[in-house]
Amino acid sequence: MPDILIRDVAERTLEVLKRRAAQSGRSLQQELAMALERLAAARVTDAAQVARRIRRRLARSGRKFSDSVAVIRADRRR
């Protein structure tokens, strides 16, 4: 299995990771391997895709929603 070397990890980050590993009864290496596996398995969600899904859901609701862009621009001009 390949190795990974990570340099310049903040001391605080290392302490948090060590504590988390100890609380889980795992070594730091096991904890980090699990974290990397979760990260690799996580689905990356495109923000535009999420916005489209929300717009479709709102459109199906039958309610009318105003365009917030105009409201935000007016607020910024104040």
PDB file of N, CA and C in Angstrom:
ATOM      1  N   MET A   1       0.851  -1.175   0.000  1.00  0.00           N
ATOM      2  CA  MET A   1       0.000   0.000   0.000  1.00  0.00           C
ATOM      3  C   MET A   1       0.898   1.241   0.000  1.00  0.00           C
ATOM      4  N   PRO A   2       0.577   2.255  -0.804  1.00  0.00           N
ATOM      5  CA  PRO A   2       1.408   3.463  -0.878  1.00  0.00           C
ATOM      6  C   PRO A   2       1.374   4.268   0.426  1.00  0.00           C
ATOM      7  N   ASP A   3       2.417   5.054   0.607  1.00  0.00           N
ATOM      8  CA  ASP A   3       2.501   5.948   1.768  1.00  0.00           C
ATOM      9  C   ASP A   3       2.202   7.371   1.346  1.00  0.00           C
ATOM     10  N   ILE A   4       1.721   8.161   2.311  1.00  0.00           N
ATOM     11  CA  ILE A   4       1.481   9.585   2.090  1.00  0.00           C
ATOM     12  C   ILE A   4       2.209  10.346   3.193  1.00  0.00           C
ATOM     13  N   LEU A   5       2.910  11.395   2.822  1.00  0.00           N
ATOM     14  CA  LEU A   5       3.605  12.238   3.787  1.00  0.00           C
ATOM     15  C   LEU A   5       2.993  13.633   3.704  1.00  0.00           C
ATOM     16  N   ILE A   6       2.551  14.144   4.832  1.00  0.00           N
ATOM     17  CA  ILE A   6       1.980  15.488   4.871  1.00  0.00           C
ATOM     18  C   ILE A   6       2.861  16.336   5.774  1.00  0.00           C
ATOM     19  N   ARG A   7       3.389  17.397   5.225  1.00  0.00           N
ATOM     20  CA  ARG A   7       4.271  18.288   5.980  1.00  0.00           C
ATOM     21  C   ARG A   7       3.512  19.525   6.443  1.00  0.00           C
ATOM     22  N   ASP A   8       4.077  20.173   7.426  1.00  0.00           N
ATOM     23  CA  ASP A   8       3.599  21.471   7.919  1.00  0.00           C
ATOM     24  C   ASP A   8       2.153  21.435   8.410  1.00  0.00           C
ATOM     25  N   VAL A   9       1.801  20.399   9.143  1.00  0.00           N
ATOM     26  CA  VAL A   9       0.471  20.326   9.759  1.00  0.00           C
ATOM     27  C   VAL A   9       0.502  21.186  11.015  1.00  0.00           C
ATOM     28  N   ALA A  10      -0.485  22.018  11.171  1.00  0.00           N
ATOM     29  CA  ALA A  10      -0.555  22.888  12.349  1.00  0.00           C
ATOM     30  C   ALA A  10      -0.587  22.037  13.619  1.00  0.00           C
ATOM     31  N   GLU A  11       0.139  22.500  14.626  1.00  0.00           N
ATOM     32  CA  GLU A  11       0.218  21.779  15.902  1.00  0.00           C
ATOM     33  C   GLU A  11      -1.170  21.519  16.485  1.00  0.00           C
ATOM     34  N   ARG A  12      -2.023  22.503  16.414  1.00  0.00           N
ATOM     35  CA  ARG A  12      -3.402  22.364  16.942  1.00  0.00           C
ATOM     36  C   ARG A  12      -4.157  21.266  16.192  1.00  0.00           C
ATOM     37  N   THR A  13      -4.002  21.244  14.883  1.00  0.00           N
ATOM     38  CA  THR A  13      -4.669  20.222  14.063  1.00  0.00           C
ATOM     39  C   THR A  13      -4.187  18.834  14.453  1.00  0.00           C
ATOM     40  N   LEU A  14      -2.899  18.688  14.624  1.00  0.00           N
ATOM     41  CA  LEU A  14      -2.337  17.395  15.004  1.00  0.00           C
ATOM     42  C   LEU A  14      -2.879  16.942  16.360  1.00  0.00           C
ATOM     43  N   GLU A  15      -2.950  17.850  17.317  1.00  0.00           N
ATOM     44  CA  GLU A  15      -3.458  17.509  18.644  1.00  0.00           C
ATOM     45  C   GLU A  15      -4.921  17.076  18.592  1.00  0.00           C
ATOM     46  N   VAL A  16      -5.716  17.779  17.791  1.00  0.00           N
ATOM     47  CA  VAL A  16      -7.132  17.414  17.652  1.00  0.00           C
ATOM     48  C   VAL A  16      -7.260  16.022  17.042  1.00  0.00           C
ATOM     49  N   LEU A  17      -6.467  15.757  16.023  1.00  0.00           N
ATOM     50  CA  LEU A  17      -6.520  14.443  15.365  1.00  0.00           C
ATOM     51  C   LEU A  17      -6.065  13.329  16.297  1.00  0.00           C
ATOM     52  N   LYS A  18      -5.022  13.586  17.066  1.00  0.00           N
ATOM     53  CA  LYS A  18      -4.552  12.585  18.033  1.00  0.00           C
ATOM     54  C   LYS A  18      -5.621  12.307  19.084  1.00  0.00           C
ATOM     55  N   ARG A  19      -6.248  13.361  19.563  1.00  0.00           N
ATOM     56  CA  ARG A  19      -7.302  13.209  20.570  1.00  0.00           C
ATOM     57  C   ARG A  19      -8.480  12.419  20.006  1.00  0.00           C
ATOM     58  N   ARG A  20      -8.866  12.745  18.788  1.00  0.00           N
ATOM     59  CA  ARG A  20      -9.975  12.036  18.143  1.00  0.00           C
ATOM     60  C   ARG A  20      -9.647  10.555  17.963  1.00  0.00           C
ATOM     61  N   ALA A  21      -8.415  10.274  17.577  1.00  0.00           N
ATOM     62  CA  ALA A  21      -7.995   8.880  17.410  1.00  0.00           C
ATOM     63  C   ALA A  21      -8.042   8.142  18.743  1.00  0.00           C
ATOM     64  N   ALA A  22      -7.514   8.763  19.795  1.00  0.00           N
ATOM     65  CA  ALA A  22      -7.507   8.133  21.112  1.00  0.00           C
ATOM     66  C   ALA A  22      -8.929   7.871  21.606  1.00  0.00           C
ATOM     67  N   GLN A  23      -9.824   8.824  21.389  1.00  0.00           N
ATOM     68  CA  GLN A  23     -11.218   8.658  21.817  1.00  0.00           C
ATOM     69  C   GLN A  23     -11.900   7.514  21.072  1.00  0.00           C
ATOM     70  N   SER A  24     -11.458   7.262  19.862  1.00  0.00           N
ATOM     71  CA  SER A  24     -12.042   6.192  19.046  1.00  0.00           C
ATOM     72  C   SER A  24     -11.327   4.857  19.241  1.00  0.00           C
ATOM     73  N   GLY A  25     -10.260   4.883  20.026  1.00  0.00           N
ATOM     74  CA  GLY A  25      -9.503   3.661  20.244  1.00  0.00           C
ATOM     75  C   GLY A  25      -8.680   3.241  19.035  1.00  0.00           C
ATOM     76  N   ARG A  26      -8.283   4.208  18.234  1.00  0.00           N
ATOM     77  CA  ARG A  26      -7.491   3.926  17.044  1.00  0.00           C
ATOM     78  C   ARG A  26      -6.154   4.662  17.124  1.00  0.00           C
ATOM     79  N   SER A  27      -5.211   4.199  16.334  1.00  0.00           N
ATOM     80  CA  SER A  27      -3.949   4.920  16.215  1.00  0.00           C
ATOM     81  C   SER A  27      -4.190   6.150  15.339  1.00  0.00           C
ATOM     82  N   LEU A  28      -3.249   7.072  15.385  1.00  0.00           N
ATOM     83  CA  LEU A  28      -3.357   8.254  14.532  1.00  0.00           C
ATOM     84  C   LEU A  28      -3.376   7.834  13.066  1.00  0.00           C
ATOM     85  N   GLN A  29      -2.544   6.875  12.707  1.00  0.00           N
ATOM     86  CA  GLN A  29      -2.510   6.404  11.323  1.00  0.00           C
ATOM     87  C   GLN A  29      -3.864   5.829  10.902  1.00  0.00           C
ATOM     88  N   GLN A  30      -4.477   5.017  11.756  1.00  0.00           N
ATOM     89  CA  GLN A  30      -5.791   4.449  11.437  1.00  0.00           C
ATOM     90  C   GLN A  30      -6.846   5.550  11.298  1.00  0.00           C
ATOM     91  N   GLU A  31      -6.800   6.519  12.201  1.00  0.00           N
ATOM     92  CA  GLU A  31      -7.771   7.619  12.168  1.00  0.00           C
ATOM     93  C   GLU A  31      -7.635   8.416  10.871  1.00  0.00           C
ATOM     94  N   LEU A  32      -6.402   8.718  10.493  1.00  0.00           N
ATOM     95  CA  LEU A  32      -6.175   9.490   9.274  1.00  0.00           C
ATOM     96  C   LEU A  32      -6.558   8.695   8.034  1.00  0.00           C
ATOM     97  N   ALA A  33      -6.262   7.393   8.029  1.00  0.00           N
ATOM     98  CA  ALA A  33      -6.639   6.554   6.886  1.00  0.00           C
ATOM     99  C   ALA A  33      -8.155   6.536   6.722  1.00  0.00           C
ATOM    100  N   MET A  34      -8.870   6.413   7.837  1.00  0.00           N
ATOM    101  CA  MET A  34     -10.342   6.421   7.773  1.00  0.00           C
ATOM    102  C   MET A  34     -10.855   7.767   7.269  1.00  0.00           C
ATOM    103  N   ALA A  35     -10.253   8.861   7.748  1.00  0.00           N
ATOM    104  CA  ALA A  35     -10.672  10.198   7.316  1.00  0.00           C
ATOM    105  C   ALA A  35     -10.445  10.372   5.818  1.00  0.00           C
ATOM    106  N   LEU A  36      -9.308   9.901   5.330  1.00  0.00           N
ATOM    107  CA  LEU A  36      -9.023  10.001   3.897  1.00  0.00           C
ATOM    108  C   LEU A  36      -9.980   9.143   3.078  1.00  0.00           C
ATOM    109  N   GLU A  37     -10.312   7.965   3.578  1.00  0.00           N
ATOM    110  CA  GLU A  37     -11.264   7.111   2.871  1.00  0.00           C
ATOM    111  C   GLU A  37     -12.645   7.764   2.797  1.00  0.00           C
ATOM    112  N   ARG A  38     -13.081   8.369   3.907  1.00  0.00           N
ATOM    113  CA  ARG A  38     -14.373   9.083   3.903  1.00  0.00           C
ATOM    114  C   ARG A  38     -14.336  10.245   2.918  1.00  0.00           C
ATOM    115  N   LEU A  39     -13.242  10.971   2.915  1.00  0.00           N
ATOM    116  CA  LEU A  39     -13.104  12.107   2.004  1.00  0.00           C
ATOM    117  C   LEU A  39     -13.131  11.654   0.553  1.00  0.00           C
ATOM    118  N   ALA A  40     -12.434  10.574   0.259  1.00  0.00           N
ATOM    119  CA  ALA A  40     -12.390  10.059  -1.113  1.00  0.00           C
ATOM    120  C   ALA A  40     -13.759   9.533  -1.559  1.00  0.00           C
ATOM    121  N   ALA A  41     -14.526   8.998  -0.619  1.00  0.00           N
ATOM    122  CA  ALA A  41     -15.832   8.432  -0.954  1.00  0.00           C
ATOM    123  C   ALA A  41     -16.935   9.490  -1.016  1.00  0.00           C
ATOM    124  N   ALA A  42     -16.671  10.658  -0.435  1.00  0.00           N
ATOM    125  CA  ALA A  42     -17.694  11.705  -0.377  1.00  0.00           C
ATOM    126  C   ALA A  42     -18.025  12.207  -1.774  1.00  0.00           C
ATOM    127  N   ARG A  43     -19.284  12.404  -1.990  1.00  0.00           N
ATOM    128  CA  ARG A  43     -19.744  12.912  -3.283  1.00  0.00           C
ATOM    129  C   ARG A  43     -19.555  14.420  -3.316  1.00  0.00           C
ATOM    130  N   VAL A  44     -18.913  14.903  -4.327  1.00  0.00           N
ATOM    131  CA  VAL A  44     -18.725  16.341  -4.489  1.00  0.00           C
ATOM    132  C   VAL A  44     -19.970  16.894  -5.155  1.00  0.00           C
ATOM    133  N   THR A  45     -20.607  17.830  -4.482  1.00  0.00           N
ATOM    134  CA  THR A  45     -21.836  18.406  -4.996  1.00  0.00           C
ATOM    135  C   THR A  45     -21.546  19.749  -5.634  1.00  0.00           C
ATOM    136  N   ASP A  46     -21.973  19.889  -6.840  1.00  0.00           N
ATOM    137  CA  ASP A  46     -21.821  21.134  -7.577  1.00  0.00           C
ATOM    138  C   ASP A  46     -22.854  22.134  -7.068  1.00  0.00           C
ATOM    139  N   ALA A  47     -22.414  23.320  -6.681  1.00  0.00           N
ATOM    140  CA  ALA A  47     -23.323  24.324  -6.137  1.00  0.00           C
ATOM    141  C   ALA A  47     -24.423  24.686  -7.131  1.00  0.00           C
ATOM    142  N   ALA A  48     -24.091  24.761  -8.406  1.00  0.00           N
ATOM    143  CA  ALA A  48     -25.096  25.085  -9.418  1.00  0.00           C
ATOM    144  C   ALA A  48     -26.146  23.987  -9.501  1.00  0.00           C
ATOM    145  N   GLN A  49     -25.719  22.752  -9.357  1.00  0.00           N
ATOM    146  CA  GLN A  49     -26.649  21.627  -9.388  1.00  0.00           C
ATOM    147  C   GLN A  49     -27.613  21.697  -8.193  1.00  0.00           C
ATOM    148  N   VAL A  50     -27.092  22.028  -7.027  1.00  0.00           N
ATOM    149  CA  VAL A  50     -27.934  22.171  -5.835  1.00  0.00           C
ATOM    150  C   VAL A  50     -28.931  23.305  -6.043  1.00  0.00           C
ATOM    151  N   ALA A  51     -28.477  24.420  -6.595  1.00  0.00           N
ATOM    152  CA  ALA A  51     -29.363  25.558  -6.835  1.00  0.00           C
ATOM    153  C   ALA A  51     -30.481  25.185  -7.803  1.00  0.00           C
ATOM    154  N   ARG A  52     -30.157  24.434  -8.856  1.00  0.00           N
ATOM    155  CA  ARG A  52     -31.198  23.999  -9.805  1.00  0.00           C
ATOM    156  C   ARG A  52     -32.238  23.116  -9.124  1.00  0.00           C
ATOM    157  N   ARG A  53     -31.765  22.207  -8.273  1.00  0.00           N
ATOM    158  CA  ARG A  53     -32.697  21.335  -7.550  1.00  0.00           C
ATOM    159  C   ARG A  53     -33.625  22.141  -6.650  1.00  0.00           C
ATOM    160  N   ILE A  54     -33.077  23.130  -5.974  1.00  0.00           N
ATOM    161  CA  ILE A  54     -33.891  23.979  -5.092  1.00  0.00           C
ATOM    162  C   ILE A  54     -34.905  24.765  -5.908  1.00  0.00           C
ATOM    163  N   ARG A  55     -34.473  25.334  -7.035  1.00  0.00           N
ATOM    164  CA  ARG A  55     -35.404  26.096  -7.884  1.00  0.00           C
ATOM    165  C   ARG A  55     -36.546  25.222  -8.387  1.00  0.00           C
ATOM    166  N   ARG A  56     -36.222  23.991  -8.802  1.00  0.00           N
ATOM    167  CA  ARG A  56     -37.279  23.067  -9.270  1.00  0.00           C
ATOM    168  C   ARG A  56     -38.262  22.751  -8.151  1.00  0.00           C
ATOM    169  N   ARG A  57     -37.734  22.503  -6.967  1.00  0.00           N
ATOM    170  CA  ARG A  57     -38.602  22.190  -5.830  1.00  0.00           C
ATOM    171  C   ARG A  57     -39.513  23.377  -5.503  1.00  0.00           C
ATOM    172  N   LEU A  58     -38.963  24.576  -5.533  1.00  0.00           N
ATOM    173  CA  LEU A  58     -39.768  25.770  -5.259  1.00  0.00           C
ATOM    174  C   LEU A  58     -40.816  25.972  -6.346  1.00  0.00           C
ATOM    175  N   ALA A  59     -40.450  25.718  -7.602  1.00  0.00           N
ATOM    176  CA  ALA A  59     -41.394  25.887  -8.712  1.00  0.00           C
ATOM    177  C   ALA A  59     -42.558  24.913  -8.580  1.00  0.00           C
ATOM    178  N   ARG A  60     -42.284  23.693  -8.143  1.00  0.00           N
ATOM    179  CA  ARG A  60     -43.354  22.694  -7.969  1.00  0.00           C
ATOM    180  C   ARG A  60     -44.283  23.031  -6.807  1.00  0.00           C
ATOM    181  N   SER A  61     -43.827  23.879  -5.894  1.00  0.00           N
ATOM    182  CA  SER A  61     -44.653  24.187  -4.724  1.00  0.00           C
ATOM    183  C   SER A  61     -45.876  25.023  -5.096  1.00  0.00           C
ATOM    184  N   GLY A  62     -45.833  25.683  -6.272  1.00  0.00           N
ATOM    185  CA  GLY A  62     -46.958  26.507  -6.699  1.00  0.00           C
ATOM    186  C   GLY A  62     -46.945  27.912  -6.108  1.00  0.00           C
ATOM    187  N   ARG A  63     -46.068  28.158  -5.170  1.00  0.00           N
ATOM    188  CA  ARG A  63     -45.972  29.488  -4.567  1.00  0.00           C
ATOM    189  C   ARG A  63     -45.128  30.395  -5.444  1.00  0.00           C
ATOM    190  N   LYS A  64     -45.342  31.682  -5.332  1.00  0.00           N
ATOM    191  CA  LYS A  64     -44.560  32.673  -6.075  1.00  0.00           C
ATOM    192  C   LYS A  64     -43.488  33.243  -5.158  1.00  0.00           C
ATOM    193  N   PHE A  65     -42.277  33.290  -5.647  1.00  0.00           N
ATOM    194  CA  PHE A  65     -41.163  33.837  -4.885  1.00  0.00           C
ATOM    195  C   PHE A  65     -40.558  34.983  -5.674  1.00  0.00           C
ATOM    196  N   SER A  66     -40.328  36.091  -4.974  1.00  0.00           N
ATOM    197  CA  SER A  66     -39.735  37.238  -5.649  1.00  0.00           C
ATOM    198  C   SER A  66     -38.244  36.981  -5.881  1.00  0.00           C
ATOM    199  N   ASP A  67     -37.681  37.716  -6.825  1.00  0.00           N
ATOM    200  CA  ASP A  67     -36.264  37.608  -7.125  1.00  0.00           C
ATOM    201  C   ASP A  67     -35.507  38.390  -6.055  1.00  0.00           C
ATOM    202  N   SER A  68     -34.728  37.706  -5.280  1.00  0.00           N
ATOM    203  CA  SER A  68     -34.024  38.351  -4.167  1.00  0.00           C
ATOM    204  C   SER A  68     -32.859  39.220  -4.630  1.00  0.00           C
ATOM    205  N   VAL A  69     -32.430  39.078  -5.869  1.00  0.00           N
ATOM    206  CA  VAL A  69     -31.306  39.863  -6.373  1.00  0.00           C
ATOM    207  C   VAL A  69     -31.621  41.356  -6.285  1.00  0.00           C
ATOM    208  N   ALA A  70     -32.814  41.755  -6.694  1.00  0.00           N
ATOM    209  CA  ALA A  70     -33.201  43.166  -6.654  1.00  0.00           C
ATOM    210  C   ALA A  70     -33.218  43.678  -5.221  1.00  0.00           C
ATOM    211  N   VAL A  71     -33.701  42.878  -4.319  1.00  0.00           N
ATOM    212  CA  VAL A  71     -33.774  43.275  -2.913  1.00  0.00           C
ATOM    213  C   VAL A  71     -32.370  43.435  -2.325  1.00  0.00           C
ATOM    214  N   ILE A  72     -31.485  42.524  -2.646  1.00  0.00           N
ATOM    215  CA  ILE A  72     -30.117  42.585  -2.142  1.00  0.00           C
ATOM    216  C   ILE A  72     -29.391  43.798  -2.722  1.00  0.00           C
ATOM    217  N   ARG A  73     -29.564  44.044  -4.018  1.00  0.00           N
ATOM    218  CA  ARG A  73     -28.909  45.206  -4.629  1.00  0.00           C
ATOM    219  C   ARG A  73     -29.401  46.509  -4.014  1.00  0.00           C
ATOM    220  N   ALA A  74     -30.706  46.608  -3.778  1.00  0.00           N
ATOM    221  CA  ALA A  74     -31.257  47.822  -3.153  1.00  0.00           C
ATOM    222  C   ALA A  74     -30.698  47.987  -1.748  1.00  0.00           C
ATOM    223  N   ASP A  75     -30.580  46.907  -1.024  1.00  0.00           N
ATOM    224  CA  ASP A  75     -30.045  46.965   0.335  1.00  0.00           C
ATOM    225  C   ASP A  75     -28.581  47.396   0.327  1.00  0.00           C
ATOM    226  N   ARG A  76     -27.818  46.940  -0.638  1.00  0.00           N
ATOM    227  CA  ARG A  76     -26.410  47.317  -0.718  1.00  0.00           C
ATOM    228  C   ARG A  76     -26.225  48.785  -1.077  1.00  0.00           C
ATOM    229  N   ARG A  77     -27.173  49.346  -1.801  1.00  0.00           N
ATOM    230  CA  ARG A  77     -27.079  50.762  -2.188  1.00  0.00           C
ATOM    231  C   ARG A  77     -27.365  51.693  -1.020  1.00  0.00           C
ATOM    232  N   ARG A  78     -27.966  51.192   0.038  1.00  0.00           N
ATOM    233  CA  ARG A  78     -28.281  52.060   1.189  1.00  0.00           C
ATOM    234  C   ARG A  78     -27.058  52.456   1.935  1.00  0.00           C
TER     235      ARG A  78
END
